[in-house]
């Protein structure tokens, strides 16, 4: 049998939407990949809990409410779940992204800690825009789902 893909996970915190939880649960139980490290973003600048106050946001909420009334179902894709139970036996590293007050030696130390795991892939559920050496640390790169991040990227630029 071939060796499992060594996977790292980037998270802002352990309370995540249920669709992300399901992906991580499937990955945790996979015969093809193994989560070998979880890297949490400890940056003081976080988008968690921020609500977009716009017409588009109001329309989406109205459509979701209408859907629940008409089809008598509750959408739980965005329901928050605690993923920490999946990571009990997995090494965890706290890293600060997006805060320039940390020294270069801190980032180099964190980078060296991550590099020790010789990752094949990193899956990004959180963090902010990444740049520098971390983009080259995994053999097959960093994978992210832009549907979850498009609002934030547009707000930053």
C-alpha atoms as a PDB file:
ATOM      1  CA  UNK A   1       0.000   0.000   0.000  1.00  0.00           C
ATOM      2  CA  UNK A   2       1.249   3.473  -0.830  1.00  0.00           C
ATOM      3  CA  UNK A   3       2.142   5.915   1.904  1.00  0.00           C
ATOM      4  CA  UNK A   4      -0.655   8.284   2.937  1.00  0.00           C
ATOM      5  CA  UNK A   5      -0.452  11.961   1.949  1.00  0.00           C
ATOM      6  CA  UNK A   6       0.943  13.927   4.882  1.00  0.00           C
ATOM      7  CA  UNK A   7      -1.480  16.793   5.344  1.00  0.00           C
ATOM      8  CA  UNK A   8      -1.311  19.982   7.367  1.00  0.00           C
ATOM      9  CA  UNK A   9      -4.418  21.974   8.273  1.00  0.00           C
ATOM     10  CA  UNK A  10      -4.560  25.777   8.677  1.00  0.00           C
ATOM     11  CA  UNK A  11      -7.415  26.980  10.924  1.00  0.00           C
ATOM     12  CA  UNK A  12      -8.391  30.222  12.616  1.00  0.00           C
ATOM     13  CA  UNK A  13      -9.981  28.344  15.516  1.00  0.00           C
ATOM     14  CA  UNK A  14     -11.624  25.029  16.350  1.00  0.00           C
ATOM     15  CA  UNK A  15     -15.195  26.285  15.929  1.00  0.00           C
ATOM     16  CA  UNK A  16     -15.820  25.873  12.191  1.00  0.00           C
ATOM     17  CA  UNK A  17     -18.802  25.561   9.807  1.00  0.00           C
ATOM     18  CA  UNK A  18     -20.224  22.032   9.561  1.00  0.00           C
ATOM     19  CA  UNK A  19     -19.237  21.674   5.894  1.00  0.00           C
ATOM     20  CA  UNK A  20     -15.579  22.210   6.873  1.00  0.00           C
ATOM     21  CA  UNK A  21     -15.998  19.832   9.813  1.00  0.00           C
ATOM     22  CA  UNK A  22     -17.277  17.111   7.479  1.00  0.00           C
ATOM     23  CA  UNK A  23     -14.299  17.544   5.143  1.00  0.00           C
ATOM     24  CA  UNK A  24     -11.853  17.282   8.049  1.00  0.00           C
ATOM     25  CA  UNK A  25     -13.694  14.290   9.514  1.00  0.00           C
ATOM     26  CA  UNK A  26     -13.547  12.494   6.148  1.00  0.00           C
ATOM     27  CA  UNK A  27      -9.867  13.361   5.826  1.00  0.00           C
ATOM     28  CA  UNK A  28      -9.185  12.148   9.382  1.00  0.00           C
ATOM     29  CA  UNK A  29     -10.819   8.784   8.555  1.00  0.00           C
ATOM     30  CA  UNK A  30      -9.246   8.521   5.089  1.00  0.00           C
ATOM     31  CA  UNK A  31      -7.199   5.594   3.825  1.00  0.00           C
ATOM     32  CA  UNK A  32      -5.287   7.933   1.497  1.00  0.00           C
ATOM     33  CA  UNK A  33      -4.286  10.915   3.641  1.00  0.00           C
ATOM     34  CA  UNK A  34      -3.235  11.581   7.205  1.00  0.00           C
ATOM     35  CA  UNK A  35      -3.455  14.861   9.111  1.00  0.00           C
ATOM     36  CA  UNK A  36      -0.034  15.246  10.706  1.00  0.00           C
ATOM     37  CA  UNK A  37      -0.175  18.838  12.020  1.00  0.00           C
ATOM     38  CA  UNK A  38      -2.786  21.492  12.759  1.00  0.00           C
ATOM     39  CA  UNK A  39      -1.653  25.114  12.547  1.00  0.00           C
ATOM     40  CA  UNK A  40      -3.884  27.657  14.270  1.00  0.00           C
ATOM     41  CA  UNK A  41      -3.888  31.338  13.422  1.00  0.00           C
ATOM     42  CA  UNK A  42      -3.376  33.354  16.578  1.00  0.00           C
ATOM     43  CA  UNK A  43      -3.413  36.707  14.802  1.00  0.00           C
ATOM     44  CA  UNK A  44      -5.204  39.497  16.603  1.00  0.00           C
ATOM     45  CA  UNK A  45      -6.743  40.525  13.288  1.00  0.00           C
ATOM     46  CA  UNK A  46      -9.479  38.019  12.602  1.00  0.00           C
ATOM     47  CA  UNK A  47     -12.585  37.997  10.498  1.00  0.00           C
ATOM     48  CA  UNK A  48     -14.346  35.483  12.737  1.00  0.00           C
ATOM     49  CA  UNK A  49     -17.796  36.670  13.710  1.00  0.00           C
ATOM     50  CA  UNK A  50     -17.743  39.696  11.411  1.00  0.00           C
ATOM     51  CA  UNK A  51     -21.052  40.194   9.626  1.00  0.00           C
ATOM     52  CA  UNK A  52     -21.268  41.878   6.286  1.00  0.00           C
ATOM     53  CA  UNK A  53     -23.937  44.569   6.490  1.00  0.00           C
ATOM     54  CA  UNK A  54     -25.074  44.875   2.915  1.00  0.00           C
ATOM     55  CA  UNK A  55     -28.083  44.420   0.694  1.00  0.00           C
ATOM     56  CA  UNK A  56     -26.615  41.185  -0.678  1.00  0.00           C
ATOM     57  CA  UNK A  57     -26.257  39.757   2.840  1.00  0.00           C
ATOM     58  CA  UNK A  58     -29.869  40.696   3.662  1.00  0.00           C
ATOM     59  CA  UNK A  59     -31.136  39.075   0.442  1.00  0.00           C
ATOM     60  CA  UNK A  60     -29.243  35.850   1.165  1.00  0.00           C
ATOM     61  CA  UNK A  61     -30.677  35.680   4.694  1.00  0.00           C
ATOM     62  CA  UNK A  62     -34.183  36.293   3.320  1.00  0.00           C
ATOM     63  CA  UNK A  63     -33.757  33.509   0.743  1.00  0.00           C
ATOM     64  CA  UNK A  64     -32.518  31.087   3.402  1.00  0.00           C
ATOM     65  CA  UNK A  65     -35.483  31.891   5.627  1.00  0.00           C
ATOM     66  CA  UNK A  66     -37.914  31.497   2.709  1.00  0.00           C
ATOM     67  CA  UNK A  67     -36.321  28.162   1.799  1.00  0.00           C
ATOM     68  CA  UNK A  68     -36.792  26.881   5.377  1.00  0.00           C
ATOM     69  CA  UNK A  69     -40.466  27.910   5.385  1.00  0.00           C
ATOM     70  CA  UNK A  70     -41.334  26.508   1.951  1.00  0.00           C
ATOM     71  CA  UNK A  71     -39.339  23.278   2.070  1.00  0.00           C
ATOM     72  CA  UNK A  72     -39.612  22.687   5.844  1.00  0.00           C
ATOM     73  CA  UNK A  73     -35.932  22.049   6.329  1.00  0.00           C
ATOM     74  CA  UNK A  74     -33.149  23.622   8.264  1.00  0.00           C
ATOM     75  CA  UNK A  75     -29.896  24.397   6.519  1.00  0.00           C
ATOM     76  CA  UNK A  76     -27.001  23.389   8.696  1.00  0.00           C
ATOM     77  CA  UNK A  77     -24.044  23.815   6.329  1.00  0.00           C
ATOM     78  CA  UNK A  78     -22.964  26.919   8.261  1.00  0.00           C
ATOM     79  CA  UNK A  79     -23.752  25.523  11.732  1.00  0.00           C
ATOM     80  CA  UNK A  80     -20.621  25.844  13.894  1.00  0.00           C
ATOM     81  CA  UNK A  81     -19.004  22.639  15.159  1.00  0.00           C
ATOM     82  CA  UNK A  82     -16.017  22.072  17.413  1.00  0.00           C
ATOM     83  CA  UNK A  83     -13.351  20.185  15.482  1.00  0.00           C
ATOM     84  CA  UNK A  84     -10.887  19.833  18.376  1.00  0.00           C
ATOM     85  CA  UNK A  85     -12.049  16.263  19.102  1.00  0.00           C
ATOM     86  CA  UNK A  86     -10.627  15.144  15.732  1.00  0.00           C
ATOM     87  CA  UNK A  87      -7.202  16.584  16.560  1.00  0.00           C
ATOM     88  CA  UNK A  88      -6.588  15.126  20.025  1.00  0.00           C
ATOM     89  CA  UNK A  89      -3.596  13.004  18.949  1.00  0.00           C
ATOM     90  CA  UNK A  90      -2.264  15.411  16.309  1.00  0.00           C
ATOM     91  CA  UNK A  91       0.501  17.954  16.999  1.00  0.00           C
ATOM     92  CA  UNK A  92      -0.738  21.539  17.020  1.00  0.00           C
ATOM     93  CA  UNK A  93       1.157  24.740  16.408  1.00  0.00           C
ATOM     94  CA  UNK A  94      -0.005  28.286  17.028  1.00  0.00           C
ATOM     95  CA  UNK A  95       1.160  30.765  14.416  1.00  0.00           C
ATOM     96  CA  UNK A  96       0.501  34.436  13.932  1.00  0.00           C
ATOM     97  CA  UNK A  97      -0.320  35.551  10.396  1.00  0.00           C
ATOM     98  CA  UNK A  98      -1.039  39.118   9.484  1.00  0.00           C
ATOM     99  CA  UNK A  99       0.673  40.810  12.416  1.00  0.00           C
ATOM    100  CA  UNK A 100       3.903  42.633  11.571  1.00  0.00           C
ATOM    101  CA  UNK A 101       4.897  43.113  15.210  1.00  0.00           C
ATOM    102  CA  UNK A 102       6.364  39.613  15.452  1.00  0.00           C
ATOM    103  CA  UNK A 103      10.049  39.231  14.757  1.00  0.00           C
ATOM    104  CA  UNK A 104      11.544  37.469  11.777  1.00  0.00           C
ATOM    105  CA  UNK A 105      13.074  34.870  14.102  1.00  0.00           C
ATOM    106  CA  UNK A 106       9.578  33.889  15.290  1.00  0.00           C
ATOM    107  CA  UNK A 107       8.452  33.247  11.696  1.00  0.00           C
ATOM    108  CA  UNK A 108      11.652  31.339  10.909  1.00  0.00           C
ATOM    109  CA  UNK A 109      11.170  29.176  14.018  1.00  0.00           C
ATOM    110  CA  UNK A 110       7.523  28.491  13.077  1.00  0.00           C
ATOM    111  CA  UNK A 111       8.510  27.718   9.482  1.00  0.00           C
ATOM    112  CA  UNK A 112      11.193  25.280  10.692  1.00  0.00           C
ATOM    113  CA  UNK A 113       8.682  23.564  13.000  1.00  0.00           C
ATOM    114  CA  UNK A 114       6.246  23.063  10.113  1.00  0.00           C
ATOM    115  CA  UNK A 115       9.028  21.921   7.745  1.00  0.00           C
ATOM    116  CA  UNK A 116       9.908  19.057  10.137  1.00  0.00           C
ATOM    117  CA  UNK A 117       6.664  17.329   9.131  1.00  0.00           C
ATOM    118  CA  UNK A 118       7.699  17.106   5.446  1.00  0.00           C
ATOM    119  CA  UNK A 119       4.118  17.860   4.320  1.00  0.00           C
ATOM    120  CA  UNK A 120       2.719  16.790   0.978  1.00  0.00           C
ATOM    121  CA  UNK A 121      -0.175  19.255   1.137  1.00  0.00           C
ATOM    122  CA  UNK A 122      -1.596  21.986   3.351  1.00  0.00           C
ATOM    123  CA  UNK A 123      -5.339  22.624   3.391  1.00  0.00           C
ATOM    124  CA  UNK A 124      -6.278  26.178   4.298  1.00  0.00           C
ATOM    125  CA  UNK A 125      -9.456  26.681   6.356  1.00  0.00           C
ATOM    126  CA  UNK A 126      -8.753  30.121   7.682  1.00  0.00           C
ATOM    127  CA  UNK A 127      -5.729  32.348   7.973  1.00  0.00           C
ATOM    128  CA  UNK A 128      -5.390  35.397   5.830  1.00  0.00           C
ATOM    129  CA  UNK A 129      -3.542  35.964   2.595  1.00  0.00           C
ATOM    130  CA  UNK A 130      -0.354  33.930   2.829  1.00  0.00           C
ATOM    131  CA  UNK A 131       2.954  34.820   1.251  1.00  0.00           C
ATOM    132  CA  UNK A 132       6.614  33.995   1.573  1.00  0.00           C
ATOM    133  CA  UNK A 133       8.221  30.667   2.387  1.00  0.00           C
ATOM    134  CA  UNK A 134       5.068  29.022   3.747  1.00  0.00           C
ATOM    135  CA  UNK A 135       3.745  28.823   0.171  1.00  0.00           C
ATOM    136  CA  UNK A 136       6.637  26.497  -0.731  1.00  0.00           C
ATOM    137  CA  UNK A 137       6.671  24.335   2.391  1.00  0.00           C
ATOM    138  CA  UNK A 138       4.320  21.567   1.172  1.00  0.00           C
ATOM    139  CA  UNK A 139       5.246  19.369  -1.776  1.00  0.00           C
ATOM    140  CA  UNK A 140       1.912  19.951  -3.588  1.00  0.00           C
ATOM    141  CA  UNK A 141       1.250  23.427  -2.215  1.00  0.00           C
ATOM    142  CA  UNK A 142      -1.514  25.010  -0.170  1.00  0.00           C
ATOM    143  CA  UNK A 143      -5.092  24.293  -1.169  1.00  0.00           C
ATOM    144  CA  UNK A 144      -7.872  26.705  -0.266  1.00  0.00           C
ATOM    145  CA  UNK A 145     -11.534  27.057  -1.036  1.00  0.00           C
ATOM    146  CA  UNK A 146     -11.984  30.586  -2.318  1.00  0.00           C
ATOM    147  CA  UNK A 147     -15.761  30.514  -1.850  1.00  0.00           C
ATOM    148  CA  UNK A 148     -15.139  30.802   1.870  1.00  0.00           C
ATOM    149  CA  UNK A 149     -12.583  33.596   1.540  1.00  0.00           C
ATOM    150  CA  UNK A 150     -13.703  35.817  -1.363  1.00  0.00           C
ATOM    151  CA  UNK A 151     -15.426  38.432   0.818  1.00  0.00           C
ATOM    152  CA  UNK A 152     -12.379  38.834   2.999  1.00  0.00           C
ATOM    153  CA  UNK A 153      -9.873  39.041   0.170  1.00  0.00           C
ATOM    154  CA  UNK A 154     -11.955  41.781  -1.442  1.00  0.00           C
ATOM    155  CA  UNK A 155     -12.107  43.672   1.859  1.00  0.00           C
ATOM    156  CA  UNK A 156      -8.337  43.557   2.280  1.00  0.00           C
ATOM    157  CA  UNK A 157      -7.457  44.789  -1.220  1.00  0.00           C
END
